[in-house]
Amino acid sequence: GASLNVRVMGDSVRLEVHVTNVAGSPVALEFDTTQRY
């Protein structure tokens, strides 16, 4: 499950992405580099 929250405060914009495992077993996310998002 994933959500994106955008919060505007004056001229500053805060971005937040949230990812949750909604499956009944562990989920392993694989990455090619140290970048995650």
PDB file of all heavy atoms in Angstrom:
ATOM      1  N   GLY A   1       0.870  -1.160   0.000  1.00  0.00           N
ATOM      2  CA  GLY A   1       0.000   0.000   0.000  1.00  0.00           C
ATOM      3  C   GLY A   1       0.912   1.217   0.000  1.00  0.00           C
ATOM      4  O   GLY A   1       1.940   1.219   0.674  1.00  0.00           O
ATOM      5  N   ALA A   2       0.592   2.229  -0.768  1.00  0.00           N
ATOM      6  CA  ALA A   2       1.469   3.392  -0.846  1.00  0.00           C
ATOM      7  C   ALA A   2       0.640   4.665  -0.878  1.00  0.00           C
ATOM      8  O   ALA A   2      -0.461   4.688  -1.422  1.00  0.00           O
ATOM      9  CB  ALA A   2       2.348   3.311  -2.092  1.00  0.00           C
ATOM     10  N   SER A   3       1.182   5.731  -0.301  1.00  0.00           N
ATOM     11  CA  SER A   3       0.514   7.022  -0.313  1.00  0.00           C
ATOM     12  C   SER A   3       1.543   8.120  -0.529  1.00  0.00           C
ATOM     13  O   SER A   3       2.708   7.975  -0.181  1.00  0.00           O
ATOM     14  CB  SER A   3      -0.255   7.256   0.989  1.00  0.00           C
ATOM     15  OG  SER A   3       0.629   7.278   2.090  1.00  0.00           O
ATOM     16  N   LEU A   4       1.083   9.205  -1.122  1.00  0.00           N
ATOM     17  CA  LEU A   4       1.892  10.398  -1.335  1.00  0.00           C
ATOM     18  C   LEU A   4       1.180  11.562  -0.670  1.00  0.00           C
ATOM     19  O   LEU A   4       0.015  11.822  -0.963  1.00  0.00           O
ATOM     20  CB  LEU A   4       2.063  10.668  -2.837  1.00  0.00           C
ATOM     21  CG  LEU A   4       2.661  12.015  -3.242  1.00  0.00           C
ATOM     22  CD1 LEU A   4       4.039  12.232  -2.630  1.00  0.00           C
ATOM     23  CD2 LEU A   4       2.708  12.125  -4.759  1.00  0.00           C
ATOM     24  N   ASN A   5       1.879  12.239   0.217  1.00  0.00           N
ATOM     25  CA  ASN A   5       1.340  13.390   0.918  1.00  0.00           C
ATOM     26  C   ASN A   5       2.127  14.618   0.470  1.00  0.00           C
ATOM     27  O   ASN A   5       3.348  14.624   0.551  1.00  0.00           O
ATOM     28  CB  ASN A   5       1.480  13.184   2.426  1.00  0.00           C
ATOM     29  CG  ASN A   5       0.863  14.299   3.234  1.00  0.00           C
ATOM     30  OD1 ASN A   5       0.660  15.404   2.758  1.00  0.00           O
ATOM     31  ND2 ASN A   5       0.597  14.010   4.487  1.00  0.00           N
ATOM     32  N   VAL A   6       1.434  15.637  -0.013  1.00  0.00           N
ATOM     33  CA  VAL A   6       2.044  16.906  -0.404  1.00  0.00           C
ATOM     34  C   VAL A   6       1.462  17.975   0.497  1.00  0.00           C
ATOM     35  O   VAL A   6       0.244  18.170   0.532  1.00  0.00           O
ATOM     36  CB  VAL A   6       1.760  17.231  -1.884  1.00  0.00           C
ATOM     37  CG1 VAL A   6       2.317  18.606  -2.239  1.00  0.00           C
ATOM     38  CG2 VAL A   6       2.336  16.163  -2.794  1.00  0.00           C
ATOM     39  N   ARG A   7       2.334  18.672   1.210  1.00  0.00           N
ATOM     40  CA  ARG A   7       1.879  19.694   2.154  1.00  0.00           C
ATOM     41  C   ARG A   7       2.518  21.030   1.777  1.00  0.00           C
ATOM     42  O   ARG A   7       3.746  21.144   1.759  1.00  0.00           O
ATOM     43  CB  ARG A   7       2.288  19.281   3.560  1.00  0.00           C
ATOM     44  CG  ARG A   7       1.739  20.131   4.623  1.00  0.00           C
ATOM     45  CD  ARG A   7       2.101  19.509   5.943  1.00  0.00           C
ATOM     46  NE  ARG A   7       1.448  20.220   7.003  1.00  0.00           N
ATOM     47  CZ  ARG A   7       1.705  20.005   8.264  1.00  0.00           C
ATOM     48  NH1 ARG A   7       2.591  19.100   8.622  1.00  0.00           N
ATOM     49  NH2 ARG A   7       1.082  20.689   9.180  1.00  0.00           N
ATOM     50  N   VAL A   8       1.685  22.007   1.465  1.00  0.00           N
ATOM     51  CA  VAL A   8       2.153  23.328   1.074  1.00  0.00           C
ATOM     52  C   VAL A   8       2.040  24.255   2.279  1.00  0.00           C
ATOM     53  O   VAL A   8       0.967  24.404   2.851  1.00  0.00           O
ATOM     54  CB  VAL A   8       1.315  23.883  -0.102  1.00  0.00           C
ATOM     55  CG1 VAL A   8       1.771  25.285  -0.473  1.00  0.00           C
ATOM     56  CG2 VAL A   8       1.401  22.948  -1.301  1.00  0.00           C
ATOM     57  N   MET A   9       3.173  24.855   2.662  1.00  0.00           N
ATOM     58  CA  MET A   9       3.211  25.800   3.778  1.00  0.00           C
ATOM     59  C   MET A   9       3.933  27.046   3.277  1.00  0.00           C
ATOM     60  O   MET A   9       5.164  27.049   3.211  1.00  0.00           O
ATOM     61  CB  MET A   9       3.936  25.186   4.963  1.00  0.00           C
ATOM     62  CG  MET A   9       3.242  23.943   5.500  1.00  0.00           C
ATOM     63  SD  MET A   9       4.213  23.034   6.712  1.00  0.00           S
ATOM     64  CE  MET A   9       5.546  22.425   5.690  1.00  0.00           C
ATOM     65  N   GLY A  10       3.168  28.052   2.880  1.00  0.00           N
ATOM     66  CA  GLY A  10       3.774  29.236   2.275  1.00  0.00           C
ATOM     67  C   GLY A  10       4.377  28.846   0.937  1.00  0.00           C
ATOM     68  O   GLY A  10       3.679  28.332   0.074  1.00  0.00           O
ATOM     69  N   ASP A  11       5.685  29.077   0.774  1.00  0.00           N
ATOM     70  CA  ASP A  11       6.336  28.669  -0.471  1.00  0.00           C
ATOM     71  C   ASP A  11       7.183  27.411  -0.286  1.00  0.00           C
ATOM     72  O   ASP A  11       7.975  27.049  -1.146  1.00  0.00           O
ATOM     73  CB  ASP A  11       7.155  29.808  -1.078  1.00  0.00           C
ATOM     74  CG  ASP A  11       8.231  30.328  -0.142  1.00  0.00           C
ATOM     75  OD1 ASP A  11       8.472  29.712   0.909  1.00  0.00           O
ATOM     76  OD2 ASP A  11       8.830  31.371  -0.471  1.00  0.00           O
ATOM     77  N   SER A  12       7.022  26.724   0.824  1.00  0.00           N
ATOM     78  CA  SER A  12       7.716  25.463   1.081  1.00  0.00           C
ATOM     79  C   SER A  12       6.747  24.298   0.851  1.00  0.00           C
ATOM     80  O   SER A  12       5.597  24.348   1.279  1.00  0.00           O
ATOM     81  CB  SER A  12       8.226  25.432   2.522  1.00  0.00           C
ATOM     82  OG  SER A  12       8.865  24.203   2.789  1.00  0.00           O
ATOM     83  N   VAL A  13       7.238  23.277   0.159  1.00  0.00           N
ATOM     84  CA  VAL A  13       6.415  22.103  -0.144  1.00  0.00           C
ATOM     85  C   VAL A  13       7.098  20.881   0.452  1.00  0.00           C
ATOM     86  O   VAL A  13       8.248  20.577   0.125  1.00  0.00           O
ATOM     87  CB  VAL A  13       6.225  21.937  -1.666  1.00  0.00           C
ATOM     88  CG1 VAL A  13       5.388  20.700  -1.968  1.00  0.00           C
ATOM     89  CG2 VAL A  13       5.580  23.181  -2.260  1.00  0.00           C
ATOM     90  N   ARG A  14       6.395  20.189   1.341  1.00  0.00           N
ATOM     91  CA  ARG A  14       6.918  18.969   1.959  1.00  0.00           C
ATOM     92  C   ARG A  14       6.289  17.783   1.249  1.00  0.00           C
ATOM     93  O   ARG A  14       5.067  17.709   1.094  1.00  0.00           O
ATOM     94  CB  ARG A  14       6.576  18.944   3.439  1.00  0.00           C
ATOM     95  CG  ARG A  14       7.059  17.684   4.143  1.00  0.00           C
ATOM     96  CD  ARG A  14       6.614  17.720   5.592  1.00  0.00           C
ATOM     97  NE  ARG A  14       6.642  16.426   6.194  1.00  0.00           N
ATOM     98  CZ  ARG A  14       7.638  15.974   6.947  1.00  0.00           C
ATOM     99  NH1 ARG A  14       8.671  16.741   7.165  1.00  0.00           N
ATOM    100  NH2 ARG A  14       7.591  14.772   7.464  1.00  0.00           N
ATOM    101  N   LEU A  15       7.141  16.856   0.819  1.00  0.00           N
ATOM    102  CA  LEU A  15       6.711  15.666   0.096  1.00  0.00           C
ATOM    103  C   LEU A  15       7.015  14.441   0.948  1.00  0.00           C
ATOM    104  O   LEU A  15       8.117  14.318   1.493  1.00  0.00           O
ATOM    105  CB  LEU A  15       7.479  15.563  -1.222  1.00  0.00           C
ATOM    106  CG  LEU A  15       7.396  16.802  -2.103  1.00  0.00           C
ATOM    107  CD1 LEU A  15       8.600  16.906  -2.998  1.00  0.00           C
ATOM    108  CD2 LEU A  15       6.123  16.767  -2.899  1.00  0.00           C
ATOM    109  N   GLU A  16       6.051  13.548   1.044  1.00  0.00           N
ATOM    110  CA  GLU A  16       6.251  12.335   1.839  1.00  0.00           C
ATOM    111  C   GLU A  16       5.606  11.161   1.128  1.00  0.00           C
ATOM    112  O   GLU A  16       4.433  11.210   0.774  1.00  0.00           O
ATOM    113  CB  GLU A  16       5.616  12.517   3.218  1.00  0.00           C
ATOM    114  CG  GLU A  16       5.763  11.322   4.119  1.00  0.00           C
ATOM    115  CD  GLU A  16       5.198  11.578   5.503  1.00  0.00           C
ATOM    116  OE1 GLU A  16       5.162  12.735   5.949  1.00  0.00           O
ATOM    117  OE2 GLU A  16       4.768  10.593   6.133  1.00  0.00           O
ATOM    118  N   VAL A  17       6.394  10.116   0.899  1.00  0.00           N
ATOM    119  CA  VAL A  17       5.853   8.881   0.346  1.00  0.00           C
ATOM    120  C   VAL A  17       5.959   7.817   1.441  1.00  0.00           C
ATOM    121  O   VAL A  17       6.962   7.728   2.149  1.00  0.00           O
ATOM    122  CB  VAL A  17       6.558   8.442  -0.965  1.00  0.00           C
ATOM    123  CG1 VAL A  17       8.021   8.113  -0.756  1.00  0.00           C
ATOM    124  CG2 VAL A  17       5.830   7.279  -1.615  1.00  0.00           C
ATOM    125  N   HIS A  18       4.879   7.069   1.590  1.00  0.00           N
ATOM    126  CA  HIS A  18       4.770   6.047   2.628  1.00  0.00           C
ATOM    127  C   HIS A  18       4.414   4.730   1.953  1.00  0.00           C
ATOM    128  O   HIS A  18       3.477   4.687   1.157  1.00  0.00           O
ATOM    129  CB  HIS A  18       3.675   6.467   3.589  1.00  0.00           C
ATOM    130  CG  HIS A  18       3.823   5.913   4.954  1.00  0.00           C
ATOM    131  ND1 HIS A  18       2.989   6.245   5.967  1.00  0.00           N
ATOM    132  CD2 HIS A  18       4.701   5.058   5.492  1.00  0.00           C
ATOM    133  CE1 HIS A  18       3.334   5.626   7.071  1.00  0.00           C
ATOM    134  NE2 HIS A  18       4.368   4.894   6.803  1.00  0.00           N
ATOM    135  N   VAL A  19       5.149   3.671   2.255  1.00  0.00           N
ATOM    136  CA  VAL A  19       4.925   2.357   1.669  1.00  0.00           C
ATOM    137  C   VAL A  19       4.744   1.356   2.804  1.00  0.00           C
ATOM    138  O   VAL A  19       5.547   1.327   3.735  1.00  0.00           O
ATOM    139  CB  VAL A  19       6.121   1.930   0.782  1.00  0.00           C
ATOM    140  CG1 VAL A  19       5.920   0.545   0.224  1.00  0.00           C
ATOM    141  CG2 VAL A  19       6.340   2.935  -0.325  1.00  0.00           C
ATOM    142  N   THR A  20       3.687   0.542   2.735  1.00  0.00           N
ATOM    143  CA  THR A  20       3.380  -0.444   3.776  1.00  0.00           C
ATOM    144  C   THR A  20       3.171  -1.809   3.153  1.00  0.00           C
ATOM    145  O   THR A  20       2.498  -1.950   2.127  1.00  0.00           O
ATOM    146  CB  THR A  20       2.108  -0.037   4.547  1.00  0.00           C
ATOM    147  OG1 THR A  20       2.309   1.248   5.128  1.00  0.00           O
ATOM    148  CG2 THR A  20       1.770  -1.036   5.647  1.00  0.00           C
ATOM    149  N   ASN A  21       3.728  -2.835   3.785  1.00  0.00           N
ATOM    150  CA  ASN A  21       3.517  -4.216   3.355  1.00  0.00           C
ATOM    151  C   ASN A  21       2.116  -4.641   3.785  1.00  0.00           C
ATOM    152  O   ASN A  21       1.832  -4.767   4.973  1.00  0.00           O
ATOM    153  CB  ASN A  21       4.573  -5.130   3.984  1.00  0.00           C
ATOM    154  CG  ASN A  21       4.380  -6.579   3.620  1.00  0.00           C
ATOM    155  OD1 ASN A  21       3.407  -6.966   2.978  1.00  0.00           O
ATOM    156  ND2 ASN A  21       5.305  -7.423   4.047  1.00  0.00           N
ATOM    157  N   VAL A  22       1.226  -4.851   2.809  1.00  0.00           N
ATOM    158  CA  VAL A  22      -0.134  -5.290   3.103  1.00  0.00           C
ATOM    159  C   VAL A  22      -0.313  -6.790   2.864  1.00  0.00           C
ATOM    160  O   VAL A  22      -1.413  -7.315   2.988  1.00  0.00           O
ATOM    161  CB  VAL A  22      -1.183  -4.474   2.291  1.00  0.00           C
ATOM    162  CG1 VAL A  22      -1.143  -3.006   2.695  1.00  0.00           C
ATOM    163  CG2 VAL A  22      -0.975  -4.634   0.796  1.00  0.00           C
ATOM    164  N   ALA A  23       0.782  -7.472   2.528  1.00  0.00           N
ATOM    165  CA  ALA A  23       0.749  -8.920   2.297  1.00  0.00           C
ATOM    166  C   ALA A  23       0.883  -9.650   3.636  1.00  0.00           C
ATOM    167  O   ALA A  23       1.256  -9.063   4.651  1.00  0.00           O
ATOM    168  CB  ALA A  23       1.885  -9.324   1.353  1.00  0.00           C
ATOM    169  N   GLY A  24       0.611 -10.927   3.624  1.00  0.00           N
ATOM    170  CA  GLY A  24       0.686 -11.733   4.829  1.00  0.00           C
ATOM    171  C   GLY A  24       2.068 -12.296   5.124  1.00  0.00           C
ATOM    172  O   GLY A  24       2.248 -13.012   6.102  1.00  0.00           O
ATOM    173  N   SER A  25       3.054 -11.965   4.288  1.00  0.00           N
ATOM    174  CA  SER A  25       4.422 -12.455   4.487  1.00  0.00           C
ATOM    175  C   SER A  25       5.407 -11.323   4.210  1.00  0.00           C
ATOM    176  O   SER A  25       5.038 -10.305   3.608  1.00  0.00           O
ATOM    177  CB  SER A  25       4.694 -13.648   3.561  1.00  0.00           C
ATOM    178  OG  SER A  25       4.504 -13.276   2.214  1.00  0.00           O
ATOM    179  N   PRO A  26       6.665 -11.485   4.642  1.00  0.00           N
ATOM    180  CA  PRO A  26       7.651 -10.418   4.400  1.00  0.00           C
ATOM    181  C   PRO A  26       7.821 -10.126   2.912  1.00  0.00           C
ATOM    182  O   PRO A  26       7.672 -11.008   2.064  1.00  0.00           O
ATOM    183  CB  PRO A  26       8.944 -10.992   4.974  1.00  0.00           C
ATOM    184  CG  PRO A  26       8.499 -12.007   5.980  1.00  0.00           C
ATOM    185  CD  PRO A  26       7.229 -12.593   5.402  1.00  0.00           C
ATOM    186  N   VAL A  27       8.120  -8.863   2.603  1.00  0.00           N
ATOM    187  CA  VAL A  27       8.393  -8.419   1.242  1.00  0.00           C
ATOM    188  C   VAL A  27       9.787  -7.791   1.250  1.00  0.00           C
ATOM    189  O   VAL A  27      10.062  -6.908   2.069  1.00  0.00           O
ATOM    190  CB  VAL A  27       7.347  -7.392   0.770  1.00  0.00           C
ATOM    191  CG1 VAL A  27       7.737  -6.783  -0.566  1.00  0.00           C
ATOM    192  CG2 VAL A  27       5.969  -8.031   0.691  1.00  0.00           C
ATOM    193  N   ALA A  28      10.654  -8.265   0.357  1.00  0.00           N
ATOM    194  CA  ALA A  28      12.022  -7.741   0.262  1.00  0.00           C
ATOM    195  C   ALA A  28      12.133  -6.853  -0.976  1.00  0.00           C
ATOM    196  O   ALA A  28      12.023  -7.341  -2.102  1.00  0.00           O
ATOM    197  CB  ALA A  28      13.030  -8.883   0.200  1.00  0.00           C
ATOM    198  N   LEU A  29      12.337  -5.577  -0.765  1.00  0.00           N
ATOM    199  CA  LEU A  29      12.530  -4.638  -1.864  1.00  0.00           C
ATOM    200  C   LEU A  29      14.014  -4.635  -2.228  1.00  0.00           C
ATOM    201  O   LEU A  29      14.866  -4.441  -1.355  1.00  0.00           O
ATOM    202  CB  LEU A  29      12.092  -3.229  -1.463  1.00  0.00           C
ATOM    203  CG  LEU A  29      10.593  -2.966  -1.395  1.00  0.00           C
ATOM    204  CD1 LEU A  29       9.970  -3.619  -0.179  1.00  0.00           C
ATOM    205  CD2 LEU A  29      10.332  -1.491  -1.369  1.00  0.00           C
ATOM    206  N   GLU A  30      14.314  -4.851  -3.501  1.00  0.00           N
ATOM    207  CA  GLU A  30      15.699  -4.909  -3.986  1.00  0.00           C
ATOM    208  C   GLU A  30      16.045  -3.603  -4.693  1.00  0.00           C
ATOM    209  O   GLU A  30      15.224  -3.065  -5.445  1.00  0.00           O
ATOM    210  CB  GLU A  30      15.871  -6.076  -4.969  1.00  0.00           C
ATOM    211  CG  GLU A  30      15.444  -7.432  -4.425  1.00  0.00           C
ATOM    212  CD  GLU A  30      16.400  -7.994  -3.384  1.00  0.00           C
ATOM    213  OE1 GLU A  30      17.563  -7.552  -3.344  1.00  0.00           O
ATOM    214  OE2 GLU A  30      15.973  -8.865  -2.614  1.00  0.00           O
ATOM    215  N   PHE A  31      17.287  -3.123  -4.489  1.00  0.00           N
ATOM    216  CA  PHE A  31      17.738  -1.866  -5.080  1.00  0.00           C
ATOM    217  C   PHE A  31      19.098  -2.077  -5.738  1.00  0.00           C
ATOM    218  O   PHE A  31      19.949  -2.775  -5.205  1.00  0.00           O
ATOM    219  CB  PHE A  31      17.853  -0.785  -4.012  1.00  0.00           C
ATOM    220  CG  PHE A  31      16.550  -0.473  -3.329  1.00  0.00           C
ATOM    221  CD1 PHE A  31      16.162  -1.167  -2.193  1.00  0.00           C
ATOM    222  CD2 PHE A  31      15.716   0.500  -3.829  1.00  0.00           C
ATOM    223  CE1 PHE A  31      14.964  -0.894  -1.558  1.00  0.00           C
ATOM    224  CE2 PHE A  31      14.503   0.787  -3.206  1.00  0.00           C
ATOM    225  CZ  PHE A  31      14.125   0.090  -2.070  1.00  0.00           C
ATOM    226  N   ASP A  32      19.302  -1.421  -6.903  1.00  0.00           N
ATOM    227  CA  ASP A  32      20.583  -1.504  -7.627  1.00  0.00           C
ATOM    228  C   ASP A  32      21.668  -0.621  -7.031  1.00  0.00           C
ATOM    229  O   ASP A  32      22.853  -0.861  -7.251  1.00  0.00           O
ATOM    230  CB  ASP A  32      20.401  -1.074  -9.095  1.00  0.00           C
ATOM    231  CG  ASP A  32      19.859  -2.184  -9.951  1.00  0.00           C
ATOM    232  OD1 ASP A  32      19.912  -3.352  -9.531  1.00  0.00           O
ATOM    233  OD2 ASP A  32      19.385  -1.886 -11.057  1.00  0.00           O
ATOM    234  N   THR A  33      21.260   0.454  -6.337  1.00  0.00           N
ATOM    235  CA  THR A  33      22.202   1.405  -5.746  1.00  0.00           C
ATOM    236  C   THR A  33      21.747   1.715  -4.327  1.00  0.00           C
ATOM    237  O   THR A  33      20.767   1.144  -3.846  1.00  0.00           O
ATOM    238  CB  THR A  33      22.248   2.728  -6.551  1.00  0.00           C
ATOM    239  OG1 THR A  33      21.007   3.419  -6.385  1.00  0.00           O
ATOM    240  CG2 THR A  33      22.516   2.476  -8.039  1.00  0.00           C
ATOM    241  N   THR A  34      22.418   2.662  -3.693  1.00  0.00           N
ATOM    242  CA  THR A  34      22.004   3.074  -2.349  1.00  0.00           C
ATOM    243  C   THR A  34      20.808   4.025  -2.378  1.00  0.00           C
ATOM    244  O   THR A  34      20.257   4.333  -1.328  1.00  0.00           O
ATOM    245  CB  THR A  34      23.174   3.745  -1.597  1.00  0.00           C
ATOM    246  OG1 THR A  34      23.640   4.853  -2.352  1.00  0.00           O
ATOM    247  CG2 THR A  34      24.308   2.747  -1.363  1.00  0.00           C
ATOM    248  N   GLN A  35      20.384   4.470  -3.566  1.00  0.00           N
ATOM    249  CA  GLN A  35      19.187   5.314  -3.664  1.00  0.00           C
ATOM    250  C   GLN A  35      17.948   4.469  -3.405  1.00  0.00           C
ATOM    251  O   GLN A  35      17.800   3.385  -3.957  1.00  0.00           O
ATOM    252  CB  GLN A  35      19.084   5.974  -5.037  1.00  0.00           C
ATOM    253  CG  GLN A  35      17.890   6.901  -5.148  1.00  0.00           C
ATOM    254  CD  GLN A  35      17.768   7.574  -6.503  1.00  0.00           C
ATOM    255  OE1 GLN A  35      18.476   7.238  -7.446  1.00  0.00           O
ATOM    256  NE2 GLN A  35      16.859   8.530  -6.606  1.00  0.00           N
ATOM    257  N   ARG A  36      17.042   4.999  -2.583  1.00  0.00           N
ATOM    258  CA  ARG A  36      15.804   4.294  -2.256  1.00  0.00           C
ATOM    259  C   ARG A  36      14.561   4.969  -2.835  1.00  0.00           C
ATOM    260  O   ARG A  36      13.557   4.321  -3.062  1.00  0.00           O
ATOM    261  CB  ARG A  36      15.635   4.188  -0.734  1.00  0.00           C
ATOM    262  CG  ARG A  36      16.749   3.405  -0.041  1.00  0.00           C
ATOM    263  CD  ARG A  36      16.737   1.971  -0.493  1.00  0.00           C
ATOM    264  NE  ARG A  36      17.682   1.141   0.207  1.00  0.00           N
ATOM    265  CZ  ARG A  36      18.833   0.715  -0.289  1.00  0.00           C
ATOM    266  NH1 ARG A  36      19.203   1.076  -1.504  1.00  0.00           N
ATOM    267  NH2 ARG A  36      19.619  -0.064   0.409  1.00  0.00           N
ATOM    268  N   TYR A  37      14.607   6.277  -3.044  1.00  0.00           N
ATOM    269  CA  TYR A  37      13.424   7.035  -3.463  1.00  0.00           C
ATOM    270  C   TYR A  37      13.843   8.239  -4.288  1.00  0.00           C
ATOM    271  O   TYR A  37      15.017   8.594  -4.355  1.00  0.00           O
ATOM    272  CB  TYR A  37      12.623   7.498  -2.249  1.00  0.00           C
ATOM    273  CG  TYR A  37      13.372   8.452  -1.365  1.00  0.00           C
ATOM    274  CD1 TYR A  37      13.191   9.830  -1.504  1.00  0.00           C
ATOM    275  CD2 TYR A  37      14.267   7.998  -0.403  1.00  0.00           C
ATOM    276  CE1 TYR A  37      13.885  10.721  -0.707  1.00  0.00           C
ATOM    277  CE2 TYR A  37      14.961   8.878   0.400  1.00  0.00           C
ATOM    278  CZ  TYR A  37      14.774  10.236   0.244  1.00  0.00           C
ATOM    279  OH  TYR A  37      15.464  11.122   1.026  1.00  0.00           O
TER     280      TYR A  37
END
